[in-house]
């Protein structure tokens, strides 16, 4: 056997190991086959706050209610504890104007989900969406019944990540039963701009130029010079601070 033929299998083996290692490094959590997701991902990683905290839910009809709240990253839900001690999902999000939990403010954006305000400027706000996203599965996942029995008041859910797009899922069933194969989860943060009329925009160069139309030339020069990463909080905050300074002149 030639040296090349001897080396090739070893090379393929080490490349396979390397690729597997990279795939695992990209996942914040791996739930192995037979394990239960909500038992393996720690509570403090699944929720925005270490515990449910007093808050207020403000509705578009100018009413509000007080509740003990927390944001669930795994389900993308705002949850509350009722008088019986059950954990329930907040319903009718489209009627919600904003939610406060302590000093933290959340908005609900249709098709985007809950957004937490991280900084405010005279004309806009910067918000973040945090999720614990299911990004991969060792085996094909069956389409879970949307009318399966649900517990603790939680409703049916849509797709949690790219691996499940185009399917309907009952995540409560998937995450509370033994995993059919290894499941891979990533904690993700995306940033959204909220204008003064509470409209929501993905952070892009075009969006920023649209929101600050009087200063397109200066903003374009700033972006070309500093090349901000729209996925990094500090970069976006720096850009919006610059735009706000231009507006104040």
C-alpha atoms as a PDB file:
ATOM      1  CA  UNK A   1       0.000   0.000   0.000  1.00  0.00           C
ATOM      2  CA  UNK A   2       1.357   3.428  -0.949  1.00  0.00           C
ATOM      3  CA  UNK A   3       2.130   6.059   1.678  1.00  0.00           C
ATOM      4  CA  UNK A   4      -0.643   8.237   0.278  1.00  0.00           C
ATOM      5  CA  UNK A   5      -3.238   5.463   0.701  1.00  0.00           C
ATOM      6  CA  UNK A   6      -2.052   4.887   4.288  1.00  0.00           C
ATOM      7  CA  UNK A   7      -2.221   8.566   5.206  1.00  0.00           C
ATOM      8  CA  UNK A   8      -5.608   9.280   3.585  1.00  0.00           C
ATOM      9  CA  UNK A   9      -7.770   7.256   6.044  1.00  0.00           C
ATOM     10  CA  UNK A  10      -5.975   8.891   8.998  1.00  0.00           C
ATOM     11  CA  UNK A  11      -6.481  12.332   7.471  1.00  0.00           C
ATOM     12  CA  UNK A  12     -10.194  11.666   6.978  1.00  0.00           C
ATOM     13  CA  UNK A  13     -10.449  10.410  10.571  1.00  0.00           C
ATOM     14  CA  UNK A  14      -8.825  13.520  12.056  1.00  0.00           C
ATOM     15  CA  UNK A  15     -10.857  15.832   9.826  1.00  0.00           C
ATOM     16  CA  UNK A  16     -14.015  14.093  11.029  1.00  0.00           C
ATOM     17  CA  UNK A  17     -12.977  14.558  14.659  1.00  0.00           C
ATOM     18  CA  UNK A  18     -12.173  18.218  14.014  1.00  0.00           C
ATOM     19  CA  UNK A  19     -15.521  18.887  12.337  1.00  0.00           C
ATOM     20  CA  UNK A  20     -17.397  17.189  15.177  1.00  0.00           C
ATOM     21  CA  UNK A  21     -15.459  19.248  17.692  1.00  0.00           C
ATOM     22  CA  UNK A  22     -16.303  22.470  15.873  1.00  0.00           C
ATOM     23  CA  UNK A  23     -19.981  21.548  15.746  1.00  0.00           C
ATOM     24  CA  UNK A  24     -20.024  20.882  19.471  1.00  0.00           C
ATOM     25  CA  UNK A  25     -18.209  24.135  20.241  1.00  0.00           C
ATOM     26  CA  UNK A  26     -20.928  26.074  18.414  1.00  0.00           C
ATOM     27  CA  UNK A  27     -23.587  24.645  20.747  1.00  0.00           C
ATOM     28  CA  UNK A  28     -24.053  26.144  24.185  1.00  0.00           C
ATOM     29  CA  UNK A  29     -25.902  23.042  25.363  1.00  0.00           C
ATOM     30  CA  UNK A  30     -26.126  19.466  24.118  1.00  0.00           C
ATOM     31  CA  UNK A  31     -28.979  17.337  25.443  1.00  0.00           C
ATOM     32  CA  UNK A  32     -28.110  13.703  24.846  1.00  0.00           C
ATOM     33  CA  UNK A  33     -30.476  11.021  23.636  1.00  0.00           C
ATOM     34  CA  UNK A  34     -32.748   9.867  26.455  1.00  0.00           C
ATOM     35  CA  UNK A  35     -32.272  13.035  28.510  1.00  0.00           C
ATOM     36  CA  UNK A  36     -35.035  15.585  29.156  1.00  0.00           C
ATOM     37  CA  UNK A  37     -34.340  19.101  27.882  1.00  0.00           C
ATOM     38  CA  UNK A  38     -35.848  21.063  30.777  1.00  0.00           C
ATOM     39  CA  UNK A  39     -33.946  18.872  33.248  1.00  0.00           C
ATOM     40  CA  UNK A  40     -30.580  19.255  31.530  1.00  0.00           C
ATOM     41  CA  UNK A  41     -30.579  22.988  30.681  1.00  0.00           C
ATOM     42  CA  UNK A  42     -30.278  24.858  34.001  1.00  0.00           C
ATOM     43  CA  UNK A  43     -33.158  27.068  35.115  1.00  0.00           C
ATOM     44  CA  UNK A  44     -30.931  30.157  35.170  1.00  0.00           C
ATOM     45  CA  UNK A  45     -30.070  29.564  31.497  1.00  0.00           C
ATOM     46  CA  UNK A  46     -33.673  29.031  30.429  1.00  0.00           C
ATOM     47  CA  UNK A  47     -34.956  32.233  32.028  1.00  0.00           C
ATOM     48  CA  UNK A  48     -33.957  35.887  31.747  1.00  0.00           C
ATOM     49  CA  UNK A  49     -33.962  36.390  35.518  1.00  0.00           C
ATOM     50  CA  UNK A  50     -32.851  33.991  38.281  1.00  0.00           C
ATOM     51  CA  UNK A  51     -36.383  34.017  39.684  1.00  0.00           C
ATOM     52  CA  UNK A  52     -39.853  35.325  38.855  1.00  0.00           C
ATOM     53  CA  UNK A  53     -40.099  38.980  39.832  1.00  0.00           C
ATOM     54  CA  UNK A  54     -42.898  41.535  40.344  1.00  0.00           C
ATOM     55  CA  UNK A  55     -43.858  43.338  37.157  1.00  0.00           C
ATOM     56  CA  UNK A  56     -46.633  45.058  35.269  1.00  0.00           C
ATOM     57  CA  UNK A  57     -48.283  44.315  31.926  1.00  0.00           C
ATOM     58  CA  UNK A  58     -49.583  47.397  30.079  1.00  0.00           C
ATOM     59  CA  UNK A  59     -52.245  46.922  27.405  1.00  0.00           C
ATOM     60  CA  UNK A  60     -53.108  49.002  24.362  1.00  0.00           C
ATOM     61  CA  UNK A  61     -56.464  49.976  25.887  1.00  0.00           C
ATOM     62  CA  UNK A  62     -54.561  51.900  28.611  1.00  0.00           C
ATOM     63  CA  UNK A  63     -55.170  49.310  31.336  1.00  0.00           C
ATOM     64  CA  UNK A  64     -52.553  47.271  33.173  1.00  0.00           C
ATOM     65  CA  UNK A  65     -52.215  44.356  35.569  1.00  0.00           C
ATOM     66  CA  UNK A  66     -49.582  43.430  38.120  1.00  0.00           C
ATOM     67  CA  UNK A  67     -48.037  39.977  37.975  1.00  0.00           C
ATOM     68  CA  UNK A  68     -45.012  37.917  38.968  1.00  0.00           C
ATOM     69  CA  UNK A  69     -43.143  37.547  35.681  1.00  0.00           C
ATOM     70  CA  UNK A  70     -40.137  36.065  33.935  1.00  0.00           C
ATOM     71  CA  UNK A  71     -39.115  35.645  30.298  1.00  0.00           C
ATOM     72  CA  UNK A  72     -38.526  32.068  29.126  1.00  0.00           C
ATOM     73  CA  UNK A  73     -35.745  31.984  26.515  1.00  0.00           C
ATOM     74  CA  UNK A  74     -36.375  28.348  25.616  1.00  0.00           C
ATOM     75  CA  UNK A  75     -40.018  28.911  24.653  1.00  0.00           C
ATOM     76  CA  UNK A  76     -39.721  32.598  23.765  1.00  0.00           C
ATOM     77  CA  UNK A  77     -42.553  33.383  26.170  1.00  0.00           C
ATOM     78  CA  UNK A  78     -43.376  35.836  28.888  1.00  0.00           C
ATOM     79  CA  UNK A  79     -44.588  33.699  31.782  1.00  0.00           C
ATOM     80  CA  UNK A  80     -46.257  34.459  35.092  1.00  0.00           C
ATOM     81  CA  UNK A  81     -47.174  32.622  38.288  1.00  0.00           C
ATOM     82  CA  UNK A  82     -50.876  32.586  39.146  1.00  0.00           C
ATOM     83  CA  UNK A  83     -52.484  32.501  42.590  1.00  0.00           C
ATOM     84  CA  UNK A  84     -52.372  28.691  42.596  1.00  0.00           C
ATOM     85  CA  UNK A  85     -48.616  28.699  41.977  1.00  0.00           C
ATOM     86  CA  UNK A  86     -48.862  27.442  38.384  1.00  0.00           C
ATOM     87  CA  UNK A  87     -46.502  28.758  35.699  1.00  0.00           C
ATOM     88  CA  UNK A  88     -48.551  30.096  32.784  1.00  0.00           C
ATOM     89  CA  UNK A  89     -47.800  31.763  29.457  1.00  0.00           C
ATOM     90  CA  UNK A  90     -49.043  35.295  28.928  1.00  0.00           C
ATOM     91  CA  UNK A  91     -51.769  35.165  26.270  1.00  0.00           C
ATOM     92  CA  UNK A  92     -53.003  37.732  23.771  1.00  0.00           C
ATOM     93  CA  UNK A  93     -49.604  39.319  23.192  1.00  0.00           C
ATOM     94  CA  UNK A  94     -50.998  41.440  20.363  1.00  0.00           C
ATOM     95  CA  UNK A  95     -52.959  43.403  22.986  1.00  0.00           C
ATOM     96  CA  UNK A  96     -49.807  44.127  24.983  1.00  0.00           C
ATOM     97  CA  UNK A  97     -48.171  47.545  24.728  1.00  0.00           C
ATOM     98  CA  UNK A  98     -45.219  46.894  27.020  1.00  0.00           C
ATOM     99  CA  UNK A  99     -44.156  44.908  30.073  1.00  0.00           C
ATOM    100  CA  UNK A 100     -41.983  46.003  32.965  1.00  0.00           C
ATOM    101  CA  UNK A 101     -40.082  43.654  35.271  1.00  0.00           C
ATOM    102  CA  UNK A 102     -38.323  45.781  37.855  1.00  0.00           C
ATOM    103  CA  UNK A 103     -36.395  48.369  35.838  1.00  0.00           C
ATOM    104  CA  UNK A 104     -36.438  46.239  32.690  1.00  0.00           C
ATOM    105  CA  UNK A 105     -38.838  47.086  29.845  1.00  0.00           C
ATOM    106  CA  UNK A 106     -40.087  44.605  27.237  1.00  0.00           C
ATOM    107  CA  UNK A 107     -42.044  45.152  24.025  1.00  0.00           C
ATOM    108  CA  UNK A 108     -43.823  42.498  21.990  1.00  0.00           C
ATOM    109  CA  UNK A 109     -43.235  42.536  18.230  1.00  0.00           C
ATOM    110  CA  UNK A 110     -45.485  40.439  15.996  1.00  0.00           C
ATOM    111  CA  UNK A 111     -43.572  37.530  14.393  1.00  0.00           C
ATOM    112  CA  UNK A 112     -40.438  38.571  16.299  1.00  0.00           C
ATOM    113  CA  UNK A 113     -41.358  38.007  19.920  1.00  0.00           C
ATOM    114  CA  UNK A 114     -40.395  39.727  23.136  1.00  0.00           C
ATOM    115  CA  UNK A 115     -37.753  42.447  23.006  1.00  0.00           C
ATOM    116  CA  UNK A 116     -35.950  43.904  26.007  1.00  0.00           C
ATOM    117  CA  UNK A 117     -34.933  47.561  25.786  1.00  0.00           C
ATOM    118  CA  UNK A 118     -31.197  47.971  26.421  1.00  0.00           C
ATOM    119  CA  UNK A 119     -30.727  51.685  25.657  1.00  0.00           C
ATOM    120  CA  UNK A 120     -32.838  54.717  24.774  1.00  0.00           C
ATOM    121  CA  UNK A 121     -32.147  57.738  22.573  1.00  0.00           C
ATOM    122  CA  UNK A 122     -34.279  60.805  21.758  1.00  0.00           C
ATOM    123  CA  UNK A 123     -35.709  59.289  18.556  1.00  0.00           C
ATOM    124  CA  UNK A 124     -35.245  55.525  18.950  1.00  0.00           C
ATOM    125  CA  UNK A 125     -34.692  52.667  21.377  1.00  0.00           C
ATOM    126  CA  UNK A 126     -32.371  49.701  21.015  1.00  0.00           C
ATOM    127  CA  UNK A 127     -33.779  46.355  22.108  1.00  0.00           C
ATOM    128  CA  UNK A 128     -32.504  42.794  22.163  1.00  0.00           C
ATOM    129  CA  UNK A 129     -34.220  39.498  21.556  1.00  0.00           C
ATOM    130  CA  UNK A 130     -32.751  36.580  23.499  1.00  0.00           C
ATOM    131  CA  UNK A 131     -33.559  32.978  22.699  1.00  0.00           C
ATOM    132  CA  UNK A 132     -32.353  29.501  23.550  1.00  0.00           C
ATOM    133  CA  UNK A 133     -32.641  28.108  20.041  1.00  0.00           C
ATOM    134  CA  UNK A 134     -32.763  24.488  18.964  1.00  0.00           C
ATOM    135  CA  UNK A 135     -30.252  24.503  16.115  1.00  0.00           C
ATOM    136  CA  UNK A 136     -29.608  20.840  15.433  1.00  0.00           C
ATOM    137  CA  UNK A 137     -30.730  17.278  16.008  1.00  0.00           C
ATOM    138  CA  UNK A 138     -28.882  13.997  15.717  1.00  0.00           C
ATOM    139  CA  UNK A 139     -31.970  12.339  14.222  1.00  0.00           C
ATOM    140  CA  UNK A 140     -34.920  13.632  12.157  1.00  0.00           C
ATOM    141  CA  UNK A 141     -37.608  14.977  14.469  1.00  0.00           C
ATOM    142  CA  UNK A 142     -41.199  13.904  14.017  1.00  0.00           C
ATOM    143  CA  UNK A 143     -43.895  16.546  13.701  1.00  0.00           C
ATOM    144  CA  UNK A 144     -45.421  16.735  17.153  1.00  0.00           C
ATOM    145  CA  UNK A 145     -49.197  17.043  17.388  1.00  0.00           C
ATOM    146  CA  UNK A 146     -50.324  20.606  18.030  1.00  0.00           C
ATOM    147  CA  UNK A 147     -53.373  19.387  19.977  1.00  0.00           C
ATOM    148  CA  UNK A 148     -51.459  17.141  22.356  1.00  0.00           C
ATOM    149  CA  UNK A 149     -52.377  17.563  26.044  1.00  0.00           C
ATOM    150  CA  UNK A 150     -50.625  20.594  27.545  1.00  0.00           C
ATOM    151  CA  UNK A 151     -49.800  21.243  31.188  1.00  0.00           C
ATOM    152  CA  UNK A 152     -49.228  24.319  33.377  1.00  0.00           C
ATOM    153  CA  UNK A 153     -51.268  26.494  31.018  1.00  0.00           C
ATOM    154  CA  UNK A 154     -48.676  26.615  28.237  1.00  0.00           C
ATOM    155  CA  UNK A 155     -50.016  26.765  24.704  1.00  0.00           C
ATOM    156  CA  UNK A 156     -48.741  25.275  21.437  1.00  0.00           C
ATOM    157  CA  UNK A 157     -45.621  26.702  19.855  1.00  0.00           C
ATOM    158  CA  UNK A 158     -44.095  27.385  16.481  1.00  0.00           C
ATOM    159  CA  UNK A 159     -40.643  26.611  15.152  1.00  0.00           C
ATOM    160  CA  UNK A 160     -37.813  27.158  17.666  1.00  0.00           C
ATOM    161  CA  UNK A 161     -34.998  27.293  15.143  1.00  0.00           C
ATOM    162  CA  UNK A 162     -33.712  26.773  11.641  1.00  0.00           C
ATOM    163  CA  UNK A 163     -33.580  23.011  12.026  1.00  0.00           C
ATOM    164  CA  UNK A 164     -37.365  22.948  12.481  1.00  0.00           C
ATOM    165  CA  UNK A 165     -38.505  25.583   9.986  1.00  0.00           C
ATOM    166  CA  UNK A 166     -41.576  24.635   8.014  1.00  0.00           C
ATOM    167  CA  UNK A 167     -42.852  22.250  10.690  1.00  0.00           C
ATOM    168  CA  UNK A 168     -45.431  22.596  13.441  1.00  0.00           C
ATOM    169  CA  UNK A 169     -44.268  21.547  16.861  1.00  0.00           C
ATOM    170  CA  UNK A 170     -45.491  21.163  20.377  1.00  0.00           C
ATOM    171  CA  UNK A 171     -42.301  22.156  22.152  1.00  0.00           C
ATOM    172  CA  UNK A 172     -43.756  21.282  25.527  1.00  0.00           C
ATOM    173  CA  UNK A 173     -43.944  17.674  24.380  1.00  0.00           C
ATOM    174  CA  UNK A 174     -40.475  17.731  22.821  1.00  0.00           C
ATOM    175  CA  UNK A 175     -38.762  19.437  25.753  1.00  0.00           C
ATOM    176  CA  UNK A 176     -40.465  17.523  28.571  1.00  0.00           C
ATOM    177  CA  UNK A 177     -39.984  14.017  27.157  1.00  0.00           C
ATOM    178  CA  UNK A 178     -36.839  11.985  26.607  1.00  0.00           C
ATOM    179  CA  UNK A 179     -34.919  13.320  23.616  1.00  0.00           C
ATOM    180  CA  UNK A 180     -35.133  10.966  20.588  1.00  0.00           C
ATOM    181  CA  UNK A 181     -31.511  11.839  19.770  1.00  0.00           C
ATOM    182  CA  UNK A 182     -28.886  14.404  20.694  1.00  0.00           C
ATOM    183  CA  UNK A 183     -30.317  17.945  20.569  1.00  0.00           C
ATOM    184  CA  UNK A 184     -28.140  21.032  20.136  1.00  0.00           C
ATOM    185  CA  UNK A 185     -29.041  24.443  21.569  1.00  0.00           C
ATOM    186  CA  UNK A 186     -27.532  27.881  21.125  1.00  0.00           C
ATOM    187  CA  UNK A 187     -28.164  31.006  23.153  1.00  0.00           C
ATOM    188  CA  UNK A 188     -28.732  33.791  20.632  1.00  0.00           C
ATOM    189  CA  UNK A 189     -29.130  37.558  20.865  1.00  0.00           C
ATOM    190  CA  UNK A 190     -30.369  39.751  18.032  1.00  0.00           C
ATOM    191  CA  UNK A 191     -30.873  43.516  18.095  1.00  0.00           C
ATOM    192  CA  UNK A 192     -33.904  45.496  16.999  1.00  0.00           C
ATOM    193  CA  UNK A 193     -34.474  49.257  16.712  1.00  0.00           C
ATOM    194  CA  UNK A 194     -37.783  50.666  17.975  1.00  0.00           C
ATOM    195  CA  UNK A 195     -38.806  54.055  16.601  1.00  0.00           C
ATOM    196  CA  UNK A 196     -40.808  56.730  18.441  1.00  0.00           C
ATOM    197  CA  UNK A 197     -44.048  55.217  17.095  1.00  0.00           C
ATOM    198  CA  UNK A 198     -43.148  51.791  18.517  1.00  0.00           C
ATOM    199  CA  UNK A 199     -42.407  50.293  15.113  1.00  0.00           C
ATOM    200  CA  UNK A 200     -39.726  47.625  14.938  1.00  0.00           C
ATOM    201  CA  UNK A 201     -36.761  47.409  12.565  1.00  0.00           C
ATOM    202  CA  UNK A 202     -33.933  44.955  12.038  1.00  0.00           C
ATOM    203  CA  UNK A 203     -30.596  46.679  12.610  1.00  0.00           C
ATOM    204  CA  UNK A 204     -29.125  47.286   9.155  1.00  0.00           C
ATOM    205  CA  UNK A 205     -27.386  50.163   7.420  1.00  0.00           C
ATOM    206  CA  UNK A 206     -30.511  50.819   5.356  1.00  0.00           C
ATOM    207  CA  UNK A 207     -32.670  50.951   8.486  1.00  0.00           C
ATOM    208  CA  UNK A 208     -30.408  53.436  10.249  1.00  0.00           C
ATOM    209  CA  UNK A 209     -30.308  55.677   7.176  1.00  0.00           C
ATOM    210  CA  UNK A 210     -34.099  55.492   6.949  1.00  0.00           C
ATOM    211  CA  UNK A 211     -34.568  56.479  10.593  1.00  0.00           C
ATOM    212  CA  UNK A 212     -32.112  59.387  10.363  1.00  0.00           C
ATOM    213  CA  UNK A 213     -32.715  60.643   6.793  1.00  0.00           C
ATOM    214  CA  UNK A 214     -31.249  64.124   7.358  1.00  0.00           C
ATOM    215  CA  UNK A 215     -27.785  62.764   8.095  1.00  0.00           C
ATOM    216  CA  UNK A 216     -27.257  60.062   5.479  1.00  0.00           C
ATOM    217  CA  UNK A 217     -23.873  61.365   4.339  1.00  0.00           C
ATOM    218  CA  UNK A 218     -22.404  61.590   7.858  1.00  0.00           C
ATOM    219  CA  UNK A 219     -23.835  58.209   8.879  1.00  0.00           C
ATOM    220  CA  UNK A 220     -22.536  56.580   5.716  1.00  0.00           C
ATOM    221  CA  UNK A 221     -19.068  57.992   6.442  1.00  0.00           C
ATOM    222  CA  UNK A 222     -19.215  56.700  10.044  1.00  0.00           C
ATOM    223  CA  UNK A 223     -20.185  53.205   8.911  1.00  0.00           C
ATOM    224  CA  UNK A 224     -17.448  53.130   6.267  1.00  0.00           C
ATOM    225  CA  UNK A 225     -14.831  54.243   8.791  1.00  0.00           C
ATOM    226  CA  UNK A 226     -15.773  52.117  11.806  1.00  0.00           C
ATOM    227  CA  UNK A 227     -17.491  49.171  10.077  1.00  0.00           C
ATOM    228  CA  UNK A 228     -19.826  48.420  13.006  1.00  0.00           C
ATOM    229  CA  UNK A 229     -20.994  44.847  13.530  1.00  0.00           C
ATOM    230  CA  UNK A 230     -24.790  45.000  13.804  1.00  0.00           C
ATOM    231  CA  UNK A 231     -24.746  41.829  15.915  1.00  0.00           C
ATOM    232  CA  UNK A 232     -22.617  43.462  18.624  1.00  0.00           C
ATOM    233  CA  UNK A 233     -24.350  45.595  21.228  1.00  0.00           C
ATOM    234  CA  UNK A 234     -21.519  48.085  21.744  1.00  0.00           C
ATOM    235  CA  UNK A 235     -21.156  48.672  17.999  1.00  0.00           C
ATOM    236  CA  UNK A 236     -24.866  49.355  17.516  1.00  0.00           C
ATOM    237  CA  UNK A 237     -25.037  51.572  20.594  1.00  0.00           C
ATOM    238  CA  UNK A 238     -22.077  53.592  19.335  1.00  0.00           C
ATOM    239  CA  UNK A 239     -23.734  54.074  15.953  1.00  0.00           C
ATOM    240  CA  UNK A 240     -27.074  55.140  17.445  1.00  0.00           C
ATOM    241  CA  UNK A 241     -25.340  57.507  19.864  1.00  0.00           C
ATOM    242  CA  UNK A 242     -23.549  59.109  16.906  1.00  0.00           C
ATOM    243  CA  UNK A 243     -26.824  59.439  14.980  1.00  0.00           C
ATOM    244  CA  UNK A 244     -28.542  60.973  17.995  1.00  0.00           C
ATOM    245  CA  UNK A 245     -25.751  63.531  18.393  1.00  0.00           C
ATOM    246  CA  UNK A 246     -26.228  64.552  14.764  1.00  0.00           C
ATOM    247  CA  UNK A 247     -29.949  64.951  15.363  1.00  0.00           C
ATOM    248  CA  UNK A 248     -29.294  67.174  18.386  1.00  0.00           C
ATOM    249  CA  UNK A 249     -27.089  69.614  16.461  1.00  0.00           C
END
